[in-house]
Amino acid sequence: MERPRTKGGIDKLSYPLLADPSLKISSSYGVLDKEPGQAFRGTFIIDDQGYLRSLTVNPPYIGRSVDETVRTLQALQSGKLCPAGWRPGRKTL
């Protein structure tokens, strides 16, 4: 978080970022591969009422797309039916 994106970091965030060294969270969310004690790459979007709105889980060797996570969040916030590849300002269904 202390390194800019242009140098491989993630820079400052406007949302919380968690670490799970005890593996309690990954175990609770069902993304823990118990044998190696390693979590899969899980992205969870949870609304203000605590409802899970989006869930993506990838194996550790496949990265996640920040752009797709932001697009998913924007689509959720739009309250509309949004097709794949939708971006703010484009038509919804």
PDB file of N, CA and C in Angstrom:
ATOM      1  N   MET A   1       0.817  -1.199   0.000  1.00  0.00           N
ATOM      2  CA  MET A   1       0.000   0.000   0.000  1.00  0.00           C
ATOM      3  C   MET A   1       0.860   1.262   0.000  1.00  0.00           C
ATOM      4  N   GLU A   2       2.101   1.105   0.388  1.00  0.00           N
ATOM      5  CA  GLU A   2       2.976   2.268   0.449  1.00  0.00           C
ATOM      6  C   GLU A   2       3.684   2.536  -0.874  1.00  0.00           C
ATOM      7  N   ARG A   3       3.533   1.627  -1.824  1.00  0.00           N
ATOM      8  CA  ARG A   3       4.193   1.748  -3.117  1.00  0.00           C
ATOM      9  C   ARG A   3       3.147   2.130  -4.174  1.00  0.00           C
ATOM     10  N   PRO A   4       3.442   3.076  -5.065  1.00  0.00           N
ATOM     11  CA  PRO A   4       2.480   3.440  -6.108  1.00  0.00           C
ATOM     12  C   PRO A   4       2.235   2.285  -7.082  1.00  0.00           C
ATOM     13  N   ARG A   5       1.085   2.312  -7.736  1.00  0.00           N
ATOM     14  CA  ARG A   5       0.736   1.262  -8.698  1.00  0.00           C
ATOM     15  C   ARG A   5       1.762   1.164  -9.821  1.00  0.00           C
ATOM     16  N   THR A   6       2.331   2.288 -10.205  1.00  0.00           N
ATOM     17  CA  THR A   6       3.309   2.292 -11.297  1.00  0.00           C
ATOM     18  C   THR A   6       4.581   1.530 -10.934  1.00  0.00           C
ATOM     19  N   LYS A   7       4.768   1.246  -9.639  1.00  0.00           N
ATOM     20  CA  LYS A   7       5.949   0.512  -9.183  1.00  0.00           C
ATOM     21  C   LYS A   7       5.577  -0.812  -8.532  1.00  0.00           C
ATOM     22  N   GLY A   8       4.405  -1.363  -8.946  1.00  0.00           N
ATOM     23  CA  GLY A   8       4.009  -2.681  -8.473  1.00  0.00           C
ATOM     24  C   GLY A   8       3.221  -2.711  -7.188  1.00  0.00           C
ATOM     25  N   GLY A   9       2.931  -1.545  -6.631  1.00  0.00           N
ATOM     26  CA  GLY A   9       2.149  -1.487  -5.403  1.00  0.00           C
ATOM     27  C   GLY A   9       0.677  -1.290  -5.691  1.00  0.00           C
ATOM     28  N   ILE A  10      -0.070  -1.024  -4.637  1.00  0.00           N
ATOM     29  CA  ILE A  10      -1.501  -0.751  -4.807  1.00  0.00           C
ATOM     30  C   ILE A  10      -1.866   0.649  -4.362  1.00  0.00           C
ATOM     31  N   ASP A  11      -0.871   1.400  -3.918  1.00  0.00           N
ATOM     32  CA  ASP A  11      -1.078   2.799  -3.553  1.00  0.00           C
ATOM     33  C   ASP A  11      -2.078   2.921  -2.407  1.00  0.00           C
ATOM     34  N   LYS A  12      -2.591   4.091  -2.200  1.00  0.00           N
ATOM     35  CA  LYS A  12      -3.565   4.328  -1.143  1.00  0.00           C
ATOM     36  C   LYS A  12      -4.936   3.832  -1.603  1.00  0.00           C
ATOM     37  N   LEU A  13      -5.686   3.246  -0.671  1.00  0.00           N
ATOM     38  CA  LEU A  13      -7.000   2.702  -0.990  1.00  0.00           C
ATOM     39  C   LEU A  13      -8.082   3.503  -0.285  1.00  0.00           C
ATOM     40  N   SER A  14      -9.239   3.571  -0.898  1.00  0.00           N
ATOM     41  CA  SER A  14     -10.375   4.256  -0.280  1.00  0.00           C
ATOM     42  C   SER A  14     -11.338   3.247   0.345  1.00  0.00           C
ATOM     43  N   TYR A  15     -10.888   2.013   0.482  1.00  0.00           N
ATOM     44  CA  TYR A  15     -11.698   0.948   1.068  1.00  0.00           C
ATOM     45  C   TYR A  15     -10.794   0.099   1.957  1.00  0.00           C
ATOM     46  N   PRO A  16     -11.392  -0.680   2.859  1.00  0.00           N
ATOM     47  CA  PRO A  16     -10.566  -1.482   3.760  1.00  0.00           C
ATOM     48  C   PRO A  16      -9.886  -2.640   3.036  1.00  0.00           C
ATOM     49  N   LEU A  17      -8.699  -2.965   3.474  1.00  0.00           N
ATOM     50  CA  LEU A  17      -7.952  -4.112   2.973  1.00  0.00           C
ATOM     51  C   LEU A  17      -7.581  -4.954   4.185  1.00  0.00           C
ATOM     52  N   LEU A  18      -7.861  -6.245   4.116  1.00  0.00           N
ATOM     53  CA  LEU A  18      -7.618  -7.130   5.250  1.00  0.00           C
ATOM     54  C   LEU A  18      -6.510  -8.122   4.956  1.00  0.00           C
ATOM     55  N   ALA A  19      -5.830  -8.540   5.991  1.00  0.00           N
ATOM     56  CA  ALA A  19      -4.895  -9.655   5.926  1.00  0.00           C
ATOM     57  C   ALA A  19      -5.445 -10.748   6.837  1.00  0.00           C
ATOM     58  N   ASP A  20      -5.073 -11.989   6.597  1.00  0.00           N
ATOM     59  CA  ASP A  20      -5.616 -13.113   7.358  1.00  0.00           C
ATOM     60  C   ASP A  20      -4.511 -14.079   7.794  1.00  0.00           C
ATOM     61  N   PRO A  21      -3.542 -13.600   8.578  1.00  0.00           N
ATOM     62  CA  PRO A  21      -2.436 -14.486   8.957  1.00  0.00           C
ATOM     63  C   PRO A  21      -2.881 -15.685   9.800  1.00  0.00           C
ATOM     64  N   SER A  22      -4.001 -15.591  10.520  1.00  0.00           N
ATOM     65  CA  SER A  22      -4.486 -16.710  11.340  1.00  0.00           C
ATOM     66  C   SER A  22      -5.284 -17.720  10.520  1.00  0.00           C
ATOM     67  N   LEU A  23      -5.646 -17.357   9.289  1.00  0.00           N
ATOM     68  CA  LEU A  23      -6.446 -18.173   8.377  1.00  0.00           C
ATOM     69  C   LEU A  23      -7.890 -18.372   8.845  1.00  0.00           C
ATOM     70  N   LYS A  24      -8.318 -17.632   9.857  1.00  0.00           N
ATOM     71  CA  LYS A  24      -9.700 -17.742  10.353  1.00  0.00           C
ATOM     72  C   LYS A  24     -10.709 -17.238   9.321  1.00  0.00           C
ATOM     73  N   ILE A  25     -10.391 -16.112   8.681  1.00  0.00           N
ATOM     74  CA  ILE A  25     -11.326 -15.537   7.708  1.00  0.00           C
ATOM     75  C   ILE A  25     -11.442 -16.443   6.496  1.00  0.00           C
ATOM     76  N   SER A  26     -10.313 -16.874   5.946  1.00  0.00           N
ATOM     77  CA  SER A  26     -10.365 -17.730   4.754  1.00  0.00           C
ATOM     78  C   SER A  26     -11.071 -19.049   5.058  1.00  0.00           C
ATOM     79  N   SER A  27     -10.903 -19.571   6.243  1.00  0.00           N
ATOM     80  CA  SER A  27     -11.601 -20.788   6.635  1.00  0.00           C
ATOM     81  C   SER A  27     -13.104 -20.535   6.741  1.00  0.00           C
ATOM     82  N   SER A  28     -13.479 -19.422   7.368  1.00  0.00           N
ATOM     83  CA  SER A  28     -14.900 -19.081   7.525  1.00  0.00           C
ATOM     84  C   SER A  28     -15.591 -18.846   6.189  1.00  0.00           C
ATOM     85  N   TYR A  29     -14.873 -18.279   5.237  1.00  0.00           N
ATOM     86  CA  TYR A  29     -15.449 -17.985   3.922  1.00  0.00           C
ATOM     87  C   TYR A  29     -15.314 -19.150   2.939  1.00  0.00           C
ATOM     88  N   GLY A  30     -14.722 -20.238   3.373  1.00  0.00           N
ATOM     89  CA  GLY A  30     -14.648 -21.426   2.547  1.00  0.00           C
ATOM     90  C   GLY A  30     -13.634 -21.359   1.420  1.00  0.00           C
ATOM     91  N   VAL A  31     -12.613 -20.541   1.561  1.00  0.00           N
ATOM     92  CA  VAL A  31     -11.603 -20.425   0.503  1.00  0.00           C
ATOM     93  C   VAL A  31     -10.218 -20.914   0.957  1.00  0.00           C
ATOM     94  N   LEU A  32     -10.177 -21.619   2.072  1.00  0.00           N
ATOM     95  CA  LEU A  32      -8.905 -22.114   2.593  1.00  0.00           C
ATOM     96  C   LEU A  32      -8.616 -23.502   2.037  1.00  0.00           C
ATOM     97  N   ASP A  33      -7.468 -23.658   1.419  1.00  0.00           N
ATOM     98  CA  ASP A  33      -6.968 -24.964   1.007  1.00  0.00           C
ATOM     99  C   ASP A  33      -6.175 -25.473   2.207  1.00  0.00           C
ATOM    100  N   LYS A  34      -6.787 -26.351   2.995  1.00  0.00           N
ATOM    101  CA  LYS A  34      -6.238 -26.721   4.300  1.00  0.00           C
ATOM    102  C   LYS A  34      -4.886 -27.429   4.238  1.00  0.00           C
ATOM    103  N   GLU A  35      -4.687 -28.276   3.239  1.00  0.00           N
ATOM    104  CA  GLU A  35      -3.434 -29.048   3.194  1.00  0.00           C
ATOM    105  C   GLU A  35      -2.195 -28.154   3.169  1.00  0.00           C
ATOM    106  N   PRO A  36      -2.105 -27.203   2.221  1.00  0.00           N
ATOM    107  CA  PRO A  36      -0.928 -26.323   2.267  1.00  0.00           C
ATOM    108  C   PRO A  36      -1.120 -25.133   3.217  1.00  0.00           C
ATOM    109  N   GLY A  37      -2.341 -24.977   3.771  1.00  0.00           N
ATOM    110  CA  GLY A  37      -2.600 -23.836   4.652  1.00  0.00           C
ATOM    111  C   GLY A  37      -2.568 -22.520   3.911  1.00  0.00           C
ATOM    112  N   GLN A  38      -3.113 -22.541   2.691  1.00  0.00           N
ATOM    113  CA  GLN A  38      -3.080 -21.356   1.835  1.00  0.00           C
ATOM    114  C   GLN A  38      -4.494 -21.058   1.348  1.00  0.00           C
ATOM    115  N   ALA A  39      -4.809 -19.785   1.295  1.00  0.00           N
ATOM    116  CA  ALA A  39      -6.133 -19.379   0.827  1.00  0.00           C
ATOM    117  C   ALA A  39      -6.147 -19.225  -0.680  1.00  0.00           C
ATOM    118  N   PHE A  40      -7.280 -19.601  -1.279  1.00  0.00           N
ATOM    119  CA  PHE A  40      -7.511 -19.255  -2.673  1.00  0.00           C
ATOM    120  C   PHE A  40      -7.699 -17.751  -2.739  1.00  0.00           C
ATOM    121  N   ARG A  41      -7.634 -17.175  -3.923  1.00  0.00           N
ATOM    122  CA  ARG A  41      -7.813 -15.733  -4.085  1.00  0.00           C
ATOM    123  C   ARG A  41      -9.298 -15.426  -4.153  1.00  0.00           C
ATOM    124  N   GLY A  42      -9.838 -14.965  -3.058  1.00  0.00           N
ATOM    125  CA  GLY A  42     -11.264 -14.677  -2.981  1.00  0.00           C
ATOM    126  C   GLY A  42     -11.523 -13.184  -2.946  1.00  0.00           C
ATOM    127  N   THR A  43     -12.524 -12.766  -3.711  1.00  0.00           N
ATOM    128  CA  THR A  43     -12.989 -11.384  -3.674  1.00  0.00           C
ATOM    129  C   THR A  43     -14.463 -11.419  -3.313  1.00  0.00           C
ATOM    130  N   PHE A  44     -14.829 -10.747  -2.243  1.00  0.00           N
ATOM    131  CA  PHE A  44     -16.189 -10.739  -1.741  1.00  0.00           C
ATOM    132  C   PHE A  44     -16.680  -9.305  -1.690  1.00  0.00           C
ATOM    133  N   ILE A  45     -17.802  -9.027  -2.315  1.00  0.00           N
ATOM    134  CA  ILE A  45     -18.428  -7.704  -2.198  1.00  0.00           C
ATOM    135  C   ILE A  45     -19.652  -7.889  -1.323  1.00  0.00           C
ATOM    136  N   ILE A  46     -19.636  -7.234  -0.171  1.00  0.00           N
ATOM    137  CA  ILE A  46     -20.688  -7.365   0.838  1.00  0.00           C
ATOM    138  C   ILE A  46     -21.296  -5.982   1.043  1.00  0.00           C
ATOM    139  N   ASP A  47     -22.628  -5.909   1.005  1.00  0.00           N
ATOM    140  CA  ASP A  47     -23.265  -4.600   1.132  1.00  0.00           C
ATOM    141  C   ASP A  47     -23.339  -4.144   2.590  1.00  0.00           C
ATOM    142  N   ASP A  48     -23.880  -2.942   2.794  1.00  0.00           N
ATOM    143  CA  ASP A  48     -23.936  -2.338   4.125  1.00  0.00           C
ATOM    144  C   ASP A  48     -24.783  -3.132   5.120  1.00  0.00           C
ATOM    145  N   GLN A  49     -25.698  -3.958   4.599  1.00  0.00           N
ATOM    146  CA  GLN A  49     -26.546  -4.779   5.470  1.00  0.00           C
ATOM    147  C   GLN A  49     -25.922  -6.152   5.738  1.00  0.00           C
ATOM    148  N   GLY A  50     -24.736  -6.394   5.192  1.00  0.00           N
ATOM    149  CA  GLY A  50     -24.043  -7.646   5.414  1.00  0.00           C
ATOM    150  C   GLY A  50     -24.393  -8.747   4.422  1.00  0.00           C
ATOM    151  N   TYR A  51     -25.091  -8.403   3.323  1.00  0.00           N
ATOM    152  CA  TYR A  51     -25.433  -9.396   2.308  1.00  0.00           C
ATOM    153  C   TYR A  51     -24.314  -9.521   1.278  1.00  0.00           C
ATOM    154  N   LEU A  52     -23.977 -10.764   0.954  1.00  0.00           N
ATOM    155  CA  LEU A  52     -22.994 -11.030  -0.082  1.00  0.00           C
ATOM    156  C   LEU A  52     -23.621 -10.722  -1.430  1.00  0.00           C
ATOM    157  N   ARG A  53     -23.016  -9.823  -2.186  1.00  0.00           N
ATOM    158  CA  ARG A  53     -23.546  -9.417  -3.490  1.00  0.00           C
ATOM    159  C   ARG A  53     -22.735  -9.963  -4.649  1.00  0.00           C
ATOM    160  N   SER A  54     -21.460 -10.266  -4.413  1.00  0.00           N
ATOM    161  CA  SER A  54     -20.627 -10.828  -5.469  1.00  0.00           C
ATOM    162  C   SER A  54     -19.509 -11.626  -4.825  1.00  0.00           C
ATOM    163  N   LEU A  55     -19.186 -12.759  -5.449  1.00  0.00           N
ATOM    164  CA  LEU A  55     -18.145 -13.638  -4.945  1.00  0.00           C
ATOM    165  C   LEU A  55     -17.364 -14.185  -6.127  1.00  0.00           C
ATOM    166  N   THR A  56     -16.055 -14.035  -6.075  1.00  0.00           N
ATOM    167  CA  THR A  56     -15.172 -14.603  -7.089  1.00  0.00           C
ATOM    168  C   THR A  56     -14.041 -15.313  -6.361  1.00  0.00           C
ATOM    169  N   VAL A  57     -13.764 -16.552  -6.755  1.00  0.00           N
ATOM    170  CA  VAL A  57     -12.676 -17.312  -6.138  1.00  0.00           C
ATOM    171  C   VAL A  57     -11.806 -17.887  -7.249  1.00  0.00           C
ATOM    172  N   ASN A  58     -10.506 -17.616  -7.161  1.00  0.00           N
ATOM    173  CA  ASN A  58      -9.531 -18.133  -8.114  1.00  0.00           C
ATOM    174  C   ASN A  58      -8.476 -18.927  -7.359  1.00  0.00           C
ATOM    175  N   PRO A  59      -7.858 -19.916  -8.015  1.00  0.00           N
ATOM    176  CA  PRO A  59      -6.732 -20.595  -7.371  1.00  0.00           C
ATOM    177  C   PRO A  59      -5.572 -19.611  -7.186  1.00  0.00           C
ATOM    178  N   PRO A  60      -4.658 -19.928  -6.286  1.00  0.00           N
ATOM    179  CA  PRO A  60      -3.577 -18.992  -5.968  1.00  0.00           C
ATOM    180  C   PRO A  60      -2.723 -18.567  -7.166  1.00  0.00           C
ATOM    181  N   TYR A  61      -2.665 -19.372  -8.214  1.00  0.00           N
ATOM    182  CA  TYR A  61      -1.807 -19.056  -9.356  1.00  0.00           C
ATOM    183  C   TYR A  61      -2.507 -18.238 -10.438  1.00  0.00           C
ATOM    184  N   ILE A  62      -3.761 -17.824 -10.188  1.00  0.00           N
ATOM    185  CA  ILE A  62      -4.471 -16.970 -11.143  1.00  0.00           C
ATOM    186  C   ILE A  62      -4.822 -15.662 -10.442  1.00  0.00           C
ATOM    187  N   GLY A  63      -4.350 -14.558 -10.998  1.00  0.00           N
ATOM    188  CA  GLY A  63      -4.584 -13.245 -10.406  1.00  0.00           C
ATOM    189  C   GLY A  63      -6.015 -12.763 -10.598  1.00  0.00           C
ATOM    190  N   ARG A  64      -6.354 -11.743  -9.865  1.00  0.00           N
ATOM    191  CA  ARG A  64      -7.675 -11.132  -9.957  1.00  0.00           C
ATOM    192  C   ARG A  64      -7.573  -9.812 -10.700  1.00  0.00           C
ATOM    193  N   SER A  65      -8.683  -9.411 -11.304  1.00  0.00           N
ATOM    194  CA  SER A  65      -8.733  -8.173 -12.054  1.00  0.00           C
ATOM    195  C   SER A  65      -9.368  -7.071 -11.206  1.00  0.00           C
ATOM    196  N   VAL A  66      -8.573  -6.091 -10.842  1.00  0.00           N
ATOM    197  CA  VAL A  66      -9.101  -4.953 -10.092  1.00  0.00           C
ATOM    198  C   VAL A  66     -10.144  -4.228 -10.927  1.00  0.00           C
ATOM    199  N   ASP A  67      -9.888  -4.093 -12.225  1.00  0.00           N
ATOM    200  CA  ASP A  67     -10.845  -3.408 -13.105  1.00  0.00           C
ATOM    201  C   ASP A  67     -12.198  -4.118 -13.106  1.00  0.00           C
ATOM    202  N   GLU A  68     -12.203  -5.446 -13.139  1.00  0.00           N
ATOM    203  CA  GLU A  68     -13.462  -6.187 -13.134  1.00  0.00           C
ATOM    204  C   GLU A  68     -14.158  -6.064 -11.786  1.00  0.00           C
ATOM    205  N   THR A  69     -13.402  -6.056 -10.701  1.00  0.00           N
ATOM    206  CA  THR A  69     -14.007  -5.881  -9.379  1.00  0.00           C
ATOM    207  C   THR A  69     -14.667  -4.508  -9.278  1.00  0.00           C
ATOM    208  N   VAL A  70     -13.997  -3.467  -9.752  1.00  0.00           N
ATOM    209  CA  VAL A  70     -14.566  -2.108  -9.731  1.00  0.00           C
ATOM    210  C   VAL A  70     -15.800  -2.050 -10.625  1.00  0.00           C
ATOM    211  N   ARG A  71     -15.738  -2.666 -11.813  1.00  0.00           N
ATOM    212  CA  ARG A  71     -16.882  -2.680 -12.725  1.00  0.00           C
ATOM    213  C   ARG A  71     -18.075  -3.387 -12.082  1.00  0.00           C
ATOM    214  N   THR A  72     -17.815  -4.505 -11.400  1.00  0.00           N
ATOM    215  CA  THR A  72     -18.883  -5.233 -10.711  1.00  0.00           C
ATOM    216  C   THR A  72     -19.503  -4.372  -9.616  1.00  0.00           C
ATOM    217  N   LEU A  73     -18.671  -3.700  -8.843  1.00  0.00           N
ATOM    218  CA  LEU A  73     -19.168  -2.815  -7.791  1.00  0.00           C
ATOM    219  C   LEU A  73     -20.007  -1.682  -8.382  1.00  0.00           C
ATOM    220  N   GLN A  74     -19.547  -1.078  -9.471  1.00  0.00           N
ATOM    221  CA  GLN A  74     -20.306  -0.001 -10.120  1.00  0.00           C
ATOM    222  C   GLN A  74     -21.641  -0.522 -10.648  1.00  0.00           C
ATOM    223  N   ALA A  75     -21.656  -1.723 -11.204  1.00  0.00           N
ATOM    224  CA  ALA A  75     -22.900  -2.311 -11.699  1.00  0.00           C
ATOM    225  C   ALA A  75     -23.868  -2.560 -10.541  1.00  0.00           C
ATOM    226  N   LEU A  76     -23.347  -3.073  -9.422  1.00  0.00           N
ATOM    227  CA  LEU A  76     -24.195  -3.276  -8.249  1.00  0.00           C
ATOM    228  C   LEU A  76     -24.777  -1.954  -7.756  1.00  0.00           C
ATOM    229  N   GLN A  77     -23.956  -0.928  -7.728  1.00  0.00           N
ATOM    230  CA  GLN A  77     -24.405   0.378  -7.249  1.00  0.00           C
ATOM    231  C   GLN A  77     -25.395   1.036  -8.196  1.00  0.00           C
ATOM    232  N   SER A  78     -25.391   0.635  -9.465  1.00  0.00           N
ATOM    233  CA  SER A  78     -26.324   1.227 -10.430  1.00  0.00           C
ATOM    234  C   SER A  78     -27.759   0.808 -10.157  1.00  0.00           C
ATOM    235  N   GLY A  79     -27.928  -0.373  -9.569  1.00  0.00           N
ATOM    236  CA  GLY A  79     -29.267  -0.875  -9.306  1.00  0.00           C
ATOM    237  C   GLY A  79     -29.989  -1.353 -10.559  1.00  0.00           C
ATOM    238  N   LYS A  80     -29.293  -1.431 -11.662  1.00  0.00           N
ATOM    239  CA  LYS A  80     -29.883  -1.828 -12.949  1.00  0.00           C
ATOM    240  C   LYS A  80     -29.357  -3.193 -13.372  1.00  0.00           C
ATOM    241  N   LEU A  81     -29.982  -3.751 -14.403  1.00  0.00           N
ATOM    242  CA  LEU A  81     -29.510  -4.990 -15.003  1.00  0.00           C
ATOM    243  C   LEU A  81     -28.403  -4.644 -15.992  1.00  0.00           C
ATOM    244  N   CYS A  82     -27.193  -5.056 -15.684  1.00  0.00           N
ATOM    245  CA  CYS A  82     -26.018  -4.659 -16.464  1.00  0.00           C
ATOM    246  C   CYS A  82     -25.429  -5.859 -17.193  1.00  0.00           C
ATOM    247  N   PRO A  83     -25.245  -5.755 -18.511  1.00  0.00           N
ATOM    248  CA  PRO A  83     -24.654  -6.867 -19.254  1.00  0.00           C
ATOM    249  C   PRO A  83     -23.153  -6.985 -18.985  1.00  0.00           C
ATOM    250  N   ALA A  84     -22.579  -8.116 -19.418  1.00  0.00           N
ATOM    251  CA  ALA A  84     -21.129  -8.307 -19.315  1.00  0.00           C
ATOM    252  C   ALA A  84     -20.432  -7.177 -20.058  1.00  0.00           C
ATOM    253  N   GLY A  85     -19.367  -6.675 -19.480  1.00  0.00           N
ATOM    254  CA  GLY A  85     -18.620  -5.603 -20.117  1.00  0.00           C
ATOM    255  C   GLY A  85     -19.227  -4.221 -19.930  1.00  0.00           C
ATOM    256  N   TRP A  86     -20.360  -4.130 -19.222  1.00  0.00           N
ATOM    257  CA  TRP A  86     -21.004  -2.836 -18.982  1.00  0.00           C
ATOM    258  C   TRP A  86     -20.048  -1.906 -18.243  1.00  0.00           C
ATOM    259  N   ARG A  87     -20.141  -0.638 -18.561  1.00  0.00           N
ATOM    260  CA  ARG A  87     -19.385   0.423 -17.884  1.00  0.00           C
ATOM    261  C   ARG A  87     -20.342   1.562 -17.559  1.00  0.00           C
ATOM    262  N   PRO A  88     -20.061   2.332 -16.513  1.00  0.00           N
ATOM    263  CA  PRO A  88     -20.912   3.482 -16.207  1.00  0.00           C
ATOM    264  C   PRO A  88     -21.066   4.387 -17.430  1.00  0.00           C
ATOM    265  N   GLY A  89     -22.287   4.851 -17.652  1.00  0.00           N
ATOM    266  CA  GLY A  89     -22.575   5.703 -18.796  1.00  0.00           C
ATOM    267  C   GLY A  89     -23.111   4.929 -19.993  1.00  0.00           C
ATOM    268  N   ARG A  90     -22.920   3.631 -19.996  1.00  0.00           N
ATOM    269  CA  ARG A  90     -23.448   2.806 -21.084  1.00  0.00           C
ATOM    270  C   ARG A  90     -24.873   2.360 -20.737  1.00  0.00           C
ATOM    271  N   LYS A  91     -25.581   1.882 -21.761  1.00  0.00           N
ATOM    272  CA  LYS A  91     -26.954   1.432 -21.567  1.00  0.00           C
ATOM    273  C   LYS A  91     -27.009   0.185 -20.689  1.00  0.00           C
ATOM    274  N   THR A  92     -28.030   0.152 -19.861  1.00  0.00           N
ATOM    275  CA  THR A  92     -28.322  -1.061 -19.085  1.00  0.00           C
ATOM    276  C   THR A  92     -29.453  -1.796 -19.806  1.00  0.00           C
ATOM    277  N   LEU A  93     -29.753  -2.987 -19.343  1.00  0.00           N
ATOM    278  CA  LEU A  93     -30.803  -3.788 -19.972  1.00  0.00           C
ATOM    279  C   LEU A  93     -32.167  -3.476 -19.362  1.00  0.00           C
TER     280      LEU A  93
END
